[in-house]
Amino acid sequence: MPMKTPTYVSEQCARRYRSAGWWEGRTLLDDFDAAVLRRPSATAVVDPRGRRMSFAELDEESRRLAAGFLAMGLELGDVVSVQLPNWIEFVTVHLAATRVGAVTAPLLTSYREHELSYILRVSRASIAVLPGYYRNFDFPAMYGNLWHQLPDLKQVVVVSEQAPPLMRTYAESCASSAAALPICDMHGDAVSALIFTSGTEASPKAVMHSHDTMRYGTRSIPKLLGLSHDDVIWAPAPLGHATGFLWGMRLALTMGSRLVLQDIWDAEDALRLIETERCTFTLVATPFVTMLLETPSAGKRDTSSLRIFGCAGAPIPRNLGLEVEEKLGCRLIGMWGMSECFIGSTSLATGPEDKQWGTDGRAMPGSELAIFDETRTRILPPGEVGELATRGPHVALGYLDDPERTRQAFTPEGWLFTGDLATLDAEGYMRIVGRKKDIVNRGGLKISAREVEDLLLQHPLVKEAVVVAVPDTRLGEKSCACIVPAGPRKPKLEDLIQFLEARGIARYKLPEFLVIVAQFPMTPSGKIQKSLLRNAVMNGGCTVETA
């Protein structure tokens, strides 16, 4: 059944955003169609497999795919899940789904049965688009095993030369003529994307975003940073993640800019792309920057075109900002966002260094940041630590079919409570200092400690299990499994990894360190003191096994 239009956003908030011009009532297609008319022969997308496509070609292929989706029975408000690498087909699928009024659910290619069985069922996906055999994994076989659990799934489309019985290839899906494609009357308040949180809780939340909530960011950031259709957007972050989806693909489509896709991360290839495609802007997790600078050819390649390197997901050390200017010749700026709001704060390329790198920026125009006390009823003064909340036209519409967790995070007054601990200074600059949520932030991907713990507890050699975050210079954090054995035989890290892989968990969630203890440190009330375990791991207070 089609997704129902959510009613989370109060009419008072909606009126305020519309009257101020933040919600224009337009859609992504209004921007893209204008770009097609303005620059039909200009390059729209550069594919890592060597394929290039102009705006006119991208428009034509996406329209034929939209006709193919309609022939498969896709209806207004239905969900199309996209579990593709950073390929051109990801872009055409999103445009095609949008063209017929469907909702796109971008998914990471690292997701396996464990995540997908939940996500595809909750989203009620009607069509799933996936690669064939990619990175030594058979995606069609996995979906074939899952299909019987998914009554809403009408068709599986495989981006490959061949598809198993009952599935269709991408080429077959694009065979329909776009001449008779009906015009879909869409508005800015229509849900356009379903973004699944990457792991702050055991069960991911399906975040609903409209054209209005997403276009606010992709229209505001270019004005703040001086971006235009002449810019070249480099997208190394997965399009299946919120960062790549909005700040790579949708930003480029909104501005009518060239989108340069990078699939499998390789720092040398990244520098080559920046040099050859003359990339000017990117937004990625901070660890990407560190890995780029560690590359032998950093400072030797011509990266003079790159002007702005936006970083989110981890703090920016001052020396990192200086090194980026020296070796890459661009400005590193701090930003903060999450799936529920995409972007809540940013620094400016012209701002002072201590604010650019020492903070996560200030609230976006038309939006607010505030620090609340534990009761969520009092806003704290500058300098005090509390829970970060944000309000404005960037905030999502709520969680799909999840009223309880929607009430926990969103208020009728428009505030989104993030679960992050932060401070605001007197000038309004925000700094994340910790988090209330029990997660591991691995290179910008969030890992729910509880999710991994619950699976580890199913291992016969495990009595108790705790997952803690430990610092990592490249990725920000990695996960360490702390285990109390069920008997005299102690599990090995390799055994636990194989056990988790057999349960279809994404590889980035696998623990990379293991600590065996006789018992966990406890509080007087009986709660495990994870902070003490983390300190022991970091300070050599226990034996740590590595992968």
Protein backbone atom coordinates (compact mmCIF):
# COMPACT_ATOMS: atom_id res chain seq x y z
CA MET A 1 0.00 0.00 0.00
CA PRO A 2 1.28 3.53 -0.74
CA MET A 3 2.91 5.51 2.03
CA LYS A 4 0.56 7.83 3.84
CA THR A 5 1.46 11.51 3.99
CA PRO A 6 2.76 12.16 7.53
CA THR A 7 1.20 14.75 9.78
CA TYR A 8 4.11 15.33 12.18
CA VAL A 9 4.99 18.91 11.16
CA SER A 10 2.57 21.34 12.77
CA GLU A 11 0.69 23.64 10.44
CA GLN A 12 2.09 26.60 12.37
CA CYS A 13 5.68 25.53 11.60
CA ALA A 14 4.83 24.77 7.97
CA ARG A 15 3.22 28.19 7.50
CA ARG A 16 6.25 29.89 9.02
CA TYR A 17 8.68 28.06 6.71
CA ARG A 18 6.55 28.78 3.64
CA SER A 19 6.00 32.44 4.41
CA ALA A 20 9.74 32.95 4.96
CA GLY A 21 10.47 31.31 1.59
CA TRP A 22 12.40 28.36 3.03
CA TRP A 23 9.80 25.91 1.76
CA GLU A 24 9.15 26.95 -1.84
CA GLY A 25 6.76 24.12 -2.68
CA ARG A 26 9.03 23.02 -5.54
CA THR A 27 10.53 19.58 -6.16
CA LEU A 28 13.87 18.19 -7.25
CA LEU A 29 12.44 17.75 -10.75
CA ASP A 30 11.77 21.48 -11.04
CA ASP A 31 15.48 22.09 -10.57
CA PHE A 32 16.64 19.17 -12.71
CA ASP A 33 14.28 19.94 -15.60
CA ALA A 34 15.54 23.53 -15.60
CA ALA A 35 19.13 22.26 -15.78
CA VAL A 36 18.22 20.00 -18.73
CA LEU A 37 16.78 22.98 -20.61
CA ARG A 38 19.68 25.25 -19.70
CA ARG A 39 22.61 22.89 -20.36
CA PRO A 40 21.38 19.77 -22.18
CA SER A 41 24.78 18.75 -23.56
CA ALA A 42 26.78 19.51 -20.39
CA THR A 43 28.12 16.52 -18.46
CA ALA A 44 25.75 15.66 -15.61
CA VAL A 45 27.36 12.53 -14.11
CA VAL A 46 30.77 10.86 -14.33
CA ASP A 47 30.62 7.16 -13.47
CA PRO A 48 33.58 5.31 -11.84
CA ARG A 49 33.25 2.63 -14.54
CA GLY A 50 34.10 5.20 -17.23
CA ARG A 51 30.59 6.12 -18.32
CA ARG A 52 29.65 9.80 -18.75
CA MET A 53 26.16 11.11 -19.23
CA SER A 54 24.88 14.55 -20.23
CA PHE A 55 21.84 16.18 -18.66
CA ALA A 56 19.76 15.36 -21.74
CA GLU A 57 20.88 11.71 -21.68
CA LEU A 58 20.26 11.44 -17.94
CA ASP A 59 16.80 12.88 -18.42
CA GLU A 60 15.95 10.49 -21.27
CA GLU A 61 17.15 7.34 -19.49
CA SER A 62 15.45 8.24 -16.21
CA ARG A 63 12.16 8.90 -18.03
CA ARG A 64 12.32 5.50 -19.76
CA LEU A 65 13.02 3.87 -16.42
CA ALA A 66 10.08 5.73 -14.89
CA ALA A 67 7.84 4.28 -17.61
CA GLY A 68 9.29 0.86 -16.81
CA PHE A 69 8.49 1.32 -13.11
CA LEU A 70 4.88 2.17 -13.96
CA ALA A 71 4.67 -0.97 -16.09
CA MET A 72 5.80 -2.97 -13.05
CA GLY A 73 2.85 -1.61 -11.08
CA LEU A 74 4.60 1.14 -9.13
CA GLU A 75 2.07 3.62 -7.75
CA LEU A 76 2.10 7.08 -6.24
CA GLY A 77 3.71 6.97 -2.79
CA ASP A 78 5.21 3.50 -3.23
CA VAL A 79 8.80 2.94 -2.12
CA VAL A 80 11.74 2.08 -4.40
CA SER A 81 14.74 0.79 -2.45
CA VAL A 82 18.14 1.38 -4.07
CA GLN A 83 21.06 -0.72 -2.88
CA LEU A 84 23.57 0.26 -5.54
CA PRO A 85 27.19 1.39 -5.54
CA ASN A 86 28.03 4.94 -6.63
CA TRP A 87 26.97 4.27 -10.21
CA ILE A 88 24.98 6.37 -12.67
CA GLU A 89 22.07 3.97 -12.26
CA PHE A 90 21.60 5.17 -8.67
CA VAL A 91 20.94 8.66 -10.04
CA THR A 92 18.57 7.51 -12.77
CA VAL A 93 16.61 5.35 -10.31
CA HIS A 94 16.10 8.29 -7.94
CA LEU A 95 15.01 10.58 -10.77
CA ALA A 96 12.70 7.90 -12.20
CA ALA A 97 11.09 7.18 -8.84
CA THR A 98 10.63 10.89 -8.22
CA ARG A 99 9.16 11.36 -11.70
CA VAL A 100 6.25 9.03 -10.88
CA GLY A 101 5.74 10.28 -7.32
CA ALA A 102 7.43 7.33 -5.60
CA VAL A 103 9.68 7.48 -2.54
CA THR A 104 13.37 6.52 -2.72
CA ALA A 105 14.95 4.49 0.08
CA PRO A 106 18.75 4.63 -0.37
CA LEU A 107 20.59 1.68 1.18
CA LEU A 108 24.25 0.89 1.79
CA THR A 109 25.70 -1.95 -0.29
CA SER A 110 27.18 -3.38 2.92
CA TYR A 111 23.72 -4.27 4.24
CA ARG A 112 22.94 -7.98 4.35
CA GLU A 113 19.95 -10.15 5.28
CA HIS A 114 20.00 -9.03 8.91
CA GLU A 115 19.45 -5.36 8.05
CA LEU A 116 17.48 -5.79 4.82
CA SER A 117 14.80 -8.11 6.18
CA TYR A 118 13.83 -5.36 8.62
CA ILE A 119 14.31 -2.33 6.34
CA LEU A 120 12.45 -3.70 3.32
CA ARG A 121 9.59 -4.91 5.48
CA VAL A 122 9.22 -1.62 7.41
CA SER A 123 9.46 0.52 4.27
CA ARG A 124 7.06 -1.79 2.38
CA ALA A 125 9.34 -1.47 -0.64
CA SER A 126 7.54 -2.16 -3.92
CA ILE A 127 10.62 -2.31 -6.17
CA ALA A 128 14.19 -3.11 -5.14
CA VAL A 129 17.13 -2.12 -7.35
CA LEU A 130 20.47 -3.82 -6.72
CA PRO A 131 23.74 -4.84 -8.38
CA GLY A 132 24.44 -8.32 -9.66
CA TYR A 133 27.68 -9.81 -8.39
CA TYR A 134 29.44 -6.93 -6.66
CA ARG A 135 32.55 -7.03 -4.46
CA ASN A 136 32.48 -10.83 -4.31
CA PHE A 137 28.87 -10.96 -3.20
CA ASP A 138 25.76 -12.29 -4.97
CA PHE A 139 23.04 -9.69 -4.34
CA PRO A 140 20.28 -11.33 -6.45
CA ALA A 141 20.71 -14.58 -4.50
CA MET A 142 20.30 -12.71 -1.22
CA TYR A 143 17.13 -10.97 -2.42
CA GLY A 144 15.83 -14.25 -3.77
CA ASN A 145 16.07 -15.66 -0.26
CA LEU A 146 14.36 -12.62 1.23
CA TRP A 147 11.55 -12.11 -1.28
CA HIS A 148 9.10 -14.55 0.31
CA GLN A 149 9.24 -12.47 3.53
CA LEU A 150 8.27 -9.27 1.69
CA PRO A 151 4.63 -9.30 0.52
CA ASP A 152 4.82 -5.71 -0.78
CA LEU A 153 7.81 -6.33 -3.06
CA LYS A 154 6.52 -6.42 -6.65
CA GLN A 155 9.78 -6.60 -8.57
CA VAL A 156 13.55 -6.83 -8.21
CA VAL A 157 15.65 -4.97 -10.78
CA VAL A 158 19.26 -6.09 -11.22
CA VAL A 159 21.92 -3.78 -12.68
CA SER A 160 23.71 -6.53 -14.56
CA GLU A 161 23.66 -8.16 -17.97
CA GLN A 162 21.58 -11.03 -16.61
CA ALA A 163 18.98 -11.49 -13.91
CA PRO A 164 17.63 -14.63 -12.23
CA PRO A 165 14.13 -15.87 -13.08
CA LEU A 166 11.31 -13.56 -11.90
CA MET A 167 13.75 -10.62 -11.66
CA ARG A 168 14.41 -8.04 -14.39
CA THR A 169 17.62 -6.48 -15.64
CA TYR A 170 18.06 -2.73 -15.56
CA ALA A 171 18.25 -2.65 -19.38
CA GLU A 172 14.90 -4.45 -19.65
CA SER A 173 13.40 -1.97 -17.19
CA CYS A 174 14.53 0.94 -19.38
CA ALA A 175 13.09 -0.54 -22.58
CA SER A 176 9.74 1.24 -22.27
CA SER A 177 9.07 4.39 -24.28
CA ALA A 178 8.92 7.60 -22.26
CA ALA A 179 6.61 9.24 -24.80
CA ALA A 180 3.43 8.26 -22.96
CA LEU A 181 4.79 8.92 -19.44
CA PRO A 182 1.98 10.66 -17.56
CA ILE A 183 2.64 13.92 -15.75
CA CYS A 184 2.64 13.44 -11.97
CA ASP A 185 1.33 16.44 -10.05
CA MET A 186 3.79 16.73 -7.14
CA HIS A 187 4.38 19.38 -4.53
CA GLY A 188 7.21 20.24 -2.21
CA ASP A 189 5.53 18.72 0.83
CA ALA A 190 5.45 15.23 -0.74
CA VAL A 191 7.69 12.61 0.87
CA SER A 192 10.59 12.01 -1.52
CA ALA A 193 13.09 9.96 0.50
CA LEU A 194 13.09 7.44 3.30
CA ILE A 195 16.46 7.58 5.06
CA PHE A 196 17.21 4.73 7.44
CA THR A 197 19.38 5.70 10.38
CA SER A 198 22.67 3.85 10.28
CA GLY A 199 22.69 2.41 13.74
CA THR A 200 21.97 4.65 16.73
CA GLU A 201 19.47 2.04 17.88
CA ALA A 202 19.09 -1.71 17.36
CA SER A 203 16.14 -1.13 15.00
CA PRO A 204 16.88 1.57 12.38
CA LYS A 205 14.36 4.38 12.11
CA ALA A 206 12.86 5.30 8.75
CA VAL A 207 13.26 9.08 8.50
CA MET A 208 10.78 10.77 6.17
CA HIS A 209 12.06 13.72 4.15
CA SER A 210 10.08 15.81 1.71
CA HIS A 211 11.31 17.84 -1.24
CA ASP A 212 10.89 20.91 0.98
CA THR A 213 13.09 19.63 3.82
CA MET A 214 15.84 18.49 1.44
CA ARG A 215 15.73 21.45 -0.96
CA TYR A 216 16.14 23.80 1.99
CA GLY A 217 19.69 22.47 2.45
CA THR A 218 20.61 22.07 -1.22
CA ARG A 219 19.42 25.62 -1.92
CA SER A 220 20.85 27.26 1.22
CA ILE A 221 24.36 25.77 1.25
CA PRO A 222 25.23 27.03 -2.28
CA LYS A 223 24.27 30.55 -1.22
CA LEU A 224 26.35 30.34 1.95
CA LEU A 225 29.41 28.84 0.28
CA GLY A 226 29.20 30.51 -3.12
CA LEU A 227 28.45 27.37 -5.14
CA SER A 228 26.77 27.35 -8.57
CA HIS A 229 26.14 25.16 -11.62
CA ASP A 230 29.75 25.81 -12.63
CA ASP A 231 30.98 23.80 -9.64
CA VAL A 232 31.93 20.14 -9.89
CA ILE A 233 30.70 18.01 -7.00
CA TRP A 234 32.93 15.12 -5.98
CA ALA A 235 31.00 12.35 -4.20
CA PRO A 236 33.17 9.70 -2.54
CA ALA A 237 30.59 9.09 0.21
CA PRO A 238 28.12 6.28 -0.61
CA LEU A 239 24.92 7.49 -2.26
CA GLY A 240 23.24 4.88 -0.08
CA HIS A 241 24.17 7.00 2.95
CA ALA A 242 22.54 10.31 3.85
CA THR A 243 25.76 12.25 3.18
CA GLY A 244 26.29 11.04 -0.38
CA PHE A 245 22.58 10.99 -1.16
CA LEU A 246 21.97 14.65 -0.36
CA TRP A 247 25.37 16.38 -0.44
CA GLY A 248 26.60 14.49 -3.47
CA MET A 249 23.72 13.50 -5.74
CA ARG A 250 20.84 15.81 -4.83
CA LEU A 251 23.06 18.86 -4.40
CA ALA A 252 24.46 18.40 -7.91
CA LEU A 253 21.02 17.75 -9.42
CA THR A 254 19.55 20.79 -7.66
CA MET A 255 22.30 23.14 -8.86
CA GLY A 256 22.62 21.57 -12.31
CA SER A 257 26.29 20.80 -11.61
CA ARG A 258 28.49 17.95 -12.74
CA LEU A 259 28.51 15.02 -10.30
CA VAL A 260 31.72 12.98 -10.11
CA LEU A 261 31.10 9.62 -8.47
CA GLN A 262 33.75 7.57 -6.71
CA ASP A 263 32.73 4.07 -5.69
CA ILE A 264 35.31 2.04 -3.79
CA TRP A 265 37.42 4.36 -1.63
CA ASP A 266 41.00 4.74 -2.75
CA ALA A 267 42.88 7.88 -1.79
CA GLU A 268 45.11 7.83 -4.87
CA ASP A 269 42.10 7.50 -7.14
CA ALA A 270 40.43 10.33 -5.24
CA LEU A 271 43.33 12.67 -5.98
CA ARG A 272 43.28 11.58 -9.63
CA LEU A 273 39.56 12.39 -9.88
CA ILE A 274 40.00 15.81 -8.29
CA GLU A 275 42.79 16.60 -10.75
CA THR A 276 41.25 15.26 -13.96
CA GLU A 277 37.63 16.30 -13.36
CA ARG A 278 38.57 19.64 -11.72
CA CYS A 279 36.35 18.96 -8.69
CA THR A 280 35.57 22.02 -6.57
CA PHE A 281 33.46 20.83 -3.61
CA THR A 282 32.82 17.80 -1.46
CA LEU A 283 31.27 16.95 1.88
CA VAL A 284 32.43 13.77 3.62
CA ALA A 285 33.24 12.39 7.05
CA THR A 286 36.45 13.79 8.53
CA PRO A 287 38.43 10.48 8.33
CA PHE A 288 38.35 10.73 4.51
CA VAL A 289 40.49 13.87 4.78
CA THR A 290 43.10 12.17 6.94
CA MET A 291 43.41 9.25 4.54
CA LEU A 292 43.72 11.62 1.60
CA LEU A 293 46.59 13.51 3.22
CA GLU A 294 48.42 10.27 4.08
CA THR A 295 48.62 9.40 0.38
CA PRO A 296 52.13 9.71 -1.09
CA SER A 297 50.92 11.89 -3.98
CA ALA A 298 49.10 14.37 -1.72
CA GLY A 299 50.60 17.75 -2.51
CA LYS A 300 51.93 16.49 -5.85
CA ARG A 301 48.67 16.21 -7.79
CA ASP A 302 47.07 19.38 -9.15
CA THR A 303 44.15 19.83 -6.75
CA SER A 304 43.97 23.60 -7.19
CA SER A 305 40.36 23.37 -8.42
CA LEU A 306 39.15 22.09 -5.03
CA ARG A 307 37.90 25.12 -3.08
CA ILE A 308 35.81 23.80 -0.20
CA PHE A 309 36.15 20.52 1.70
CA GLY A 310 33.20 20.13 4.05
CA CYS A 311 33.70 17.75 6.96
CA ALA A 312 31.12 16.21 9.26
CA GLY A 313 30.86 13.27 11.61
CA ALA A 314 34.03 13.86 13.64
CA PRO A 315 35.99 16.82 15.09
CA ILE A 316 38.54 18.65 12.94
CA PRO A 317 41.98 19.08 14.56
CA ARG A 318 43.54 22.48 13.80
CA ASN A 319 46.68 20.90 12.32
CA LEU A 320 44.46 18.98 9.88
CA GLY A 321 42.93 22.19 8.56
CA LEU A 322 46.35 23.73 8.07
CA GLU A 323 47.68 20.63 6.31
CA VAL A 324 44.71 20.58 3.94
CA GLU A 325 45.41 24.18 2.93
CA GLU A 326 49.10 23.40 2.41
CA LYS A 327 48.79 20.11 0.48
CA LEU A 328 45.42 20.41 -1.25
CA GLY A 329 45.04 24.17 -1.45
CA CYS A 330 41.44 24.25 -0.27
CA ARG A 331 39.49 25.35 2.79
CA LEU A 332 38.36 22.76 5.34
CA ILE A 333 35.11 23.69 7.08
CA GLY A 334 33.23 21.99 9.88
CA MET A 335 29.58 21.01 9.53
CA TRP A 336 27.10 19.00 11.55
CA GLY A 337 24.02 17.07 10.57
CA MET A 338 22.17 13.79 10.96
CA SER A 339 19.64 11.73 9.02
CA GLU A 340 16.79 13.62 10.69
CA CYS A 341 17.97 17.03 9.49
CA PHE A 342 20.85 16.46 7.00
CA ILE A 343 22.52 19.71 8.03
CA GLY A 344 21.98 21.70 11.20
CA SER A 345 25.10 23.87 11.31
CA THR A 346 28.02 24.94 9.18
CA SER A 347 31.11 27.08 9.25
CA LEU A 348 31.89 29.48 6.43
CA ALA A 349 34.95 29.38 4.20
CA THR A 350 35.69 32.99 5.18
CA GLY A 351 35.27 32.52 8.93
CA PRO A 352 38.02 32.65 11.59
CA GLU A 353 40.11 29.50 12.01
CA ASP A 354 39.12 28.90 15.63
CA LYS A 355 35.45 28.79 14.57
CA GLN A 356 36.00 26.83 11.36
CA TRP A 357 37.96 24.03 12.97
CA GLY A 358 37.27 24.46 16.67
CA THR A 359 33.50 24.23 16.35
CA ASP A 360 30.81 22.48 14.30
CA GLY A 361 29.57 25.83 12.97
CA ARG A 362 26.48 27.94 13.52
CA ALA A 363 22.82 27.35 12.78
CA MET A 364 21.76 27.54 9.17
CA PRO A 365 19.74 30.61 8.08
CA GLY A 366 16.13 30.24 9.17
CA SER A 367 16.96 27.47 11.64
CA GLU A 368 17.87 27.33 15.32
CA LEU A 369 20.21 25.46 17.64
CA ALA A 370 19.65 25.22 21.38
CA ILE A 371 21.10 23.34 24.34
CA PHE A 372 18.47 21.86 26.68
CA ASP A 373 18.69 20.52 30.20
CA GLU A 374 17.95 16.87 31.08
CA THR A 375 14.21 17.55 31.34
CA ARG A 376 14.12 19.05 27.84
CA THR A 377 12.18 21.99 29.24
CA ARG A 378 14.86 24.63 29.83
CA ILE A 379 17.33 26.11 27.36
CA LEU A 380 20.77 26.39 28.92
CA PRO A 381 22.96 29.53 28.71
CA PRO A 382 26.10 29.72 26.55
CA GLY A 383 28.95 27.48 27.65
CA GLU A 384 26.89 24.88 29.48
CA VAL A 385 26.73 21.26 28.31
CA GLY A 386 23.33 19.77 27.53
CA GLU A 387 21.36 17.99 24.85
CA LEU A 388 21.54 19.54 21.40
CA ALA A 389 18.24 20.33 19.69
CA THR A 390 17.60 21.97 16.34
CA ARG A 391 14.51 23.52 14.78
CA GLY A 392 13.79 24.77 11.29
CA PRO A 393 12.88 23.92 7.69
CA HIS A 394 15.65 21.29 7.53
CA VAL A 395 14.04 18.99 10.11
CA ALA A 396 12.44 15.78 8.83
CA LEU A 397 8.74 14.97 8.95
CA GLY A 398 9.16 12.20 11.51
CA TYR A 399 9.65 8.42 11.47
CA LEU A 400 7.52 6.22 9.22
CA ASP A 401 4.87 4.27 11.18
CA ASP A 402 6.74 4.92 14.42
CA PRO A 403 4.71 7.39 16.51
CA GLU A 404 6.41 6.53 19.80
CA ARG A 405 9.97 7.21 18.64
CA THR A 406 8.71 10.23 16.69
CA ARG A 407 7.27 11.67 19.92
CA GLN A 408 10.57 10.97 21.70
CA ALA A 409 12.64 12.94 19.18
CA PHE A 410 10.30 15.58 17.69
CA THR A 411 8.15 18.13 19.52
CA PRO A 412 4.98 19.90 18.32
CA GLU A 413 6.94 23.17 18.54
CA GLY A 414 9.29 21.88 15.83
CA TRP A 415 12.33 20.90 17.93
CA LEU A 416 14.35 17.82 17.01
CA PHE A 417 16.20 16.41 20.02
CA THR A 418 19.39 14.80 18.78
CA GLY A 419 20.68 12.81 21.74
CA ASP A 420 24.07 14.53 21.30
CA LEU A 421 25.71 16.50 24.09
CA ALA A 422 26.98 19.89 22.99
CA THR A 423 27.68 23.49 23.94
CA LEU A 424 26.94 26.83 22.28
CA ASP A 425 29.20 29.84 22.72
CA ALA A 426 28.05 33.44 22.95
CA GLU A 427 28.33 33.87 19.17
CA GLY A 428 26.14 30.84 18.48
CA TYR A 429 28.90 28.43 17.43
CA MET A 430 28.17 24.85 18.44
CA ARG A 431 30.51 22.08 19.49
CA ILE A 432 29.60 18.41 19.96
CA VAL A 433 31.25 17.18 23.17
CA GLY A 434 29.73 13.73 23.60
CA ARG A 435 26.55 11.78 23.11
CA LYS A 436 23.76 10.23 25.07
CA LYS A 437 23.34 7.51 22.47
CA ASP A 438 25.34 4.32 22.77
CA ILE A 439 26.95 4.22 19.33
CA VAL A 440 30.29 3.77 17.59
CA ASN A 441 30.98 6.38 14.92
CA ARG A 442 33.18 4.54 12.41
CA GLY A 443 34.13 6.95 9.66
CA GLY A 444 30.72 8.62 9.77
CA LEU A 445 28.79 5.34 9.81
CA LYS A 446 26.96 4.79 13.10
CA ILE A 447 27.05 1.35 14.71
CA SER A 448 24.47 0.46 17.32
CA ALA A 449 26.34 -1.17 20.21
CA ARG A 450 23.14 -2.83 21.33
CA GLU A 451 22.51 -4.43 17.94
CA VAL A 452 25.94 -6.08 17.90
CA GLU A 453 25.70 -7.00 21.58
CA ASP A 454 22.38 -8.76 21.06
CA LEU A 455 23.90 -10.88 18.30
CA LEU A 456 27.05 -11.68 20.29
CA LEU A 457 24.92 -12.94 23.16
CA GLN A 458 23.62 -15.67 20.86
CA HIS A 459 27.14 -17.19 20.61
CA PRO A 460 27.43 -20.32 22.78
CA LEU A 461 30.77 -19.22 24.26
CA VAL A 462 29.48 -15.78 25.31
CA LYS A 463 27.81 -15.12 28.65
CA GLU A 464 27.83 -11.33 28.59
CA ALA A 465 28.76 -8.91 25.82
CA VAL A 466 29.45 -5.20 25.65
CA VAL A 467 30.60 -3.16 22.64
CA VAL A 468 32.54 0.06 23.26
CA ALA A 469 34.02 2.70 20.98
CA VAL A 470 37.78 3.16 20.94
CA PRO A 471 39.55 6.07 19.20
CA ASP A 472 41.09 5.58 15.77
CA THR A 473 43.24 8.18 14.04
CA ARG A 474 41.81 7.46 10.58
CA LEU A 475 38.18 6.50 11.11
CA GLY A 476 37.48 8.38 14.32
CA GLU A 477 36.32 5.29 16.21
CA LYS A 478 36.35 1.51 15.93
CA SER A 479 34.36 -1.03 17.94
CA CYS A 480 35.75 -3.30 20.60
CA ALA A 481 33.79 -6.32 21.86
CA CYS A 482 34.20 -6.97 25.58
CA ILE A 483 33.18 -10.52 26.50
CA VAL A 484 32.56 -12.49 29.68
CA PRO A 485 32.93 -16.15 28.58
CA ALA A 486 30.18 -18.67 29.29
CA GLY A 487 32.73 -21.27 30.44
CA PRO A 488 36.43 -22.09 30.51
CA ARG A 489 36.76 -21.94 26.74
CA LYS A 490 37.30 -18.37 25.52
CA PRO A 491 36.08 -17.23 22.10
CA LYS A 492 38.55 -15.78 19.62
CA LEU A 493 37.88 -12.59 17.65
CA GLU A 494 37.97 -14.57 14.41
CA ASP A 495 35.27 -16.91 15.78
CA LEU A 496 33.00 -14.00 16.73
CA ILE A 497 33.46 -12.30 13.36
CA GLN A 498 32.53 -15.48 11.50
CA PHE A 499 29.53 -15.90 13.78
CA LEU A 500 28.31 -12.37 13.07
CA GLU A 501 28.94 -12.67 9.33
CA ALA A 502 26.83 -15.83 9.27
CA ARG A 503 23.94 -13.76 10.65
CA GLY A 504 24.14 -11.35 7.72
CA ILE A 505 25.45 -8.28 9.53
CA ALA A 506 27.13 -5.48 7.57
CA ARG A 507 30.92 -5.71 7.63
CA TYR A 508 31.47 -2.21 9.00
CA LYS A 509 29.62 -3.27 12.16
CA LEU A 510 32.01 -6.14 12.92
CA PRO A 511 34.15 -5.60 16.05
CA GLU A 512 37.81 -5.01 15.32
CA PHE A 513 39.11 -5.63 18.83
CA LEU A 514 38.27 -8.18 21.51
CA VAL A 515 38.75 -8.07 25.27
CA ILE A 516 38.01 -11.06 27.53
CA VAL A 517 37.19 -10.26 31.18
CA ALA A 518 35.98 -12.31 34.15
CA GLN A 519 33.27 -9.76 34.96
CA PHE A 520 32.17 -6.29 33.95
CA PRO A 521 32.57 -3.27 36.24
CA MET A 522 29.13 -2.34 37.58
CA THR A 523 27.50 0.67 39.19
CA PRO A 524 25.74 0.29 42.55
CA SER A 525 22.45 0.15 40.63
CA GLY A 526 23.70 -2.79 38.55
CA LYS A 527 24.51 -1.00 35.29
CA ILE A 528 27.64 -1.89 33.32
CA GLN A 529 30.21 0.91 33.47
CA LYS A 530 31.16 1.10 29.82
CA SER A 531 33.37 4.11 30.43
CA LEU A 532 35.65 2.06 32.66
CA LEU A 533 35.86 -0.70 30.05
CA ARG A 534 36.66 1.84 27.37
CA ASN A 535 39.37 3.45 29.51
CA ALA A 536 40.91 0.04 30.22
CA VAL A 537 41.07 -0.73 26.51
CA MET A 538 42.58 2.66 25.67
CA ASN A 539 45.08 2.78 28.53
CA GLY A 540 46.44 -0.74 28.38
CA GLY A 541 44.54 -1.98 31.39
CA CYS A 542 43.58 -5.22 29.66
CA THR A 543 44.73 -7.60 26.94
CA VAL A 544 43.33 -6.64 23.56
CA GLU A 545 43.08 -9.04 20.62
CA THR A 546 43.06 -7.41 17.18
CA ALA A 547 41.76 -8.68 13.86
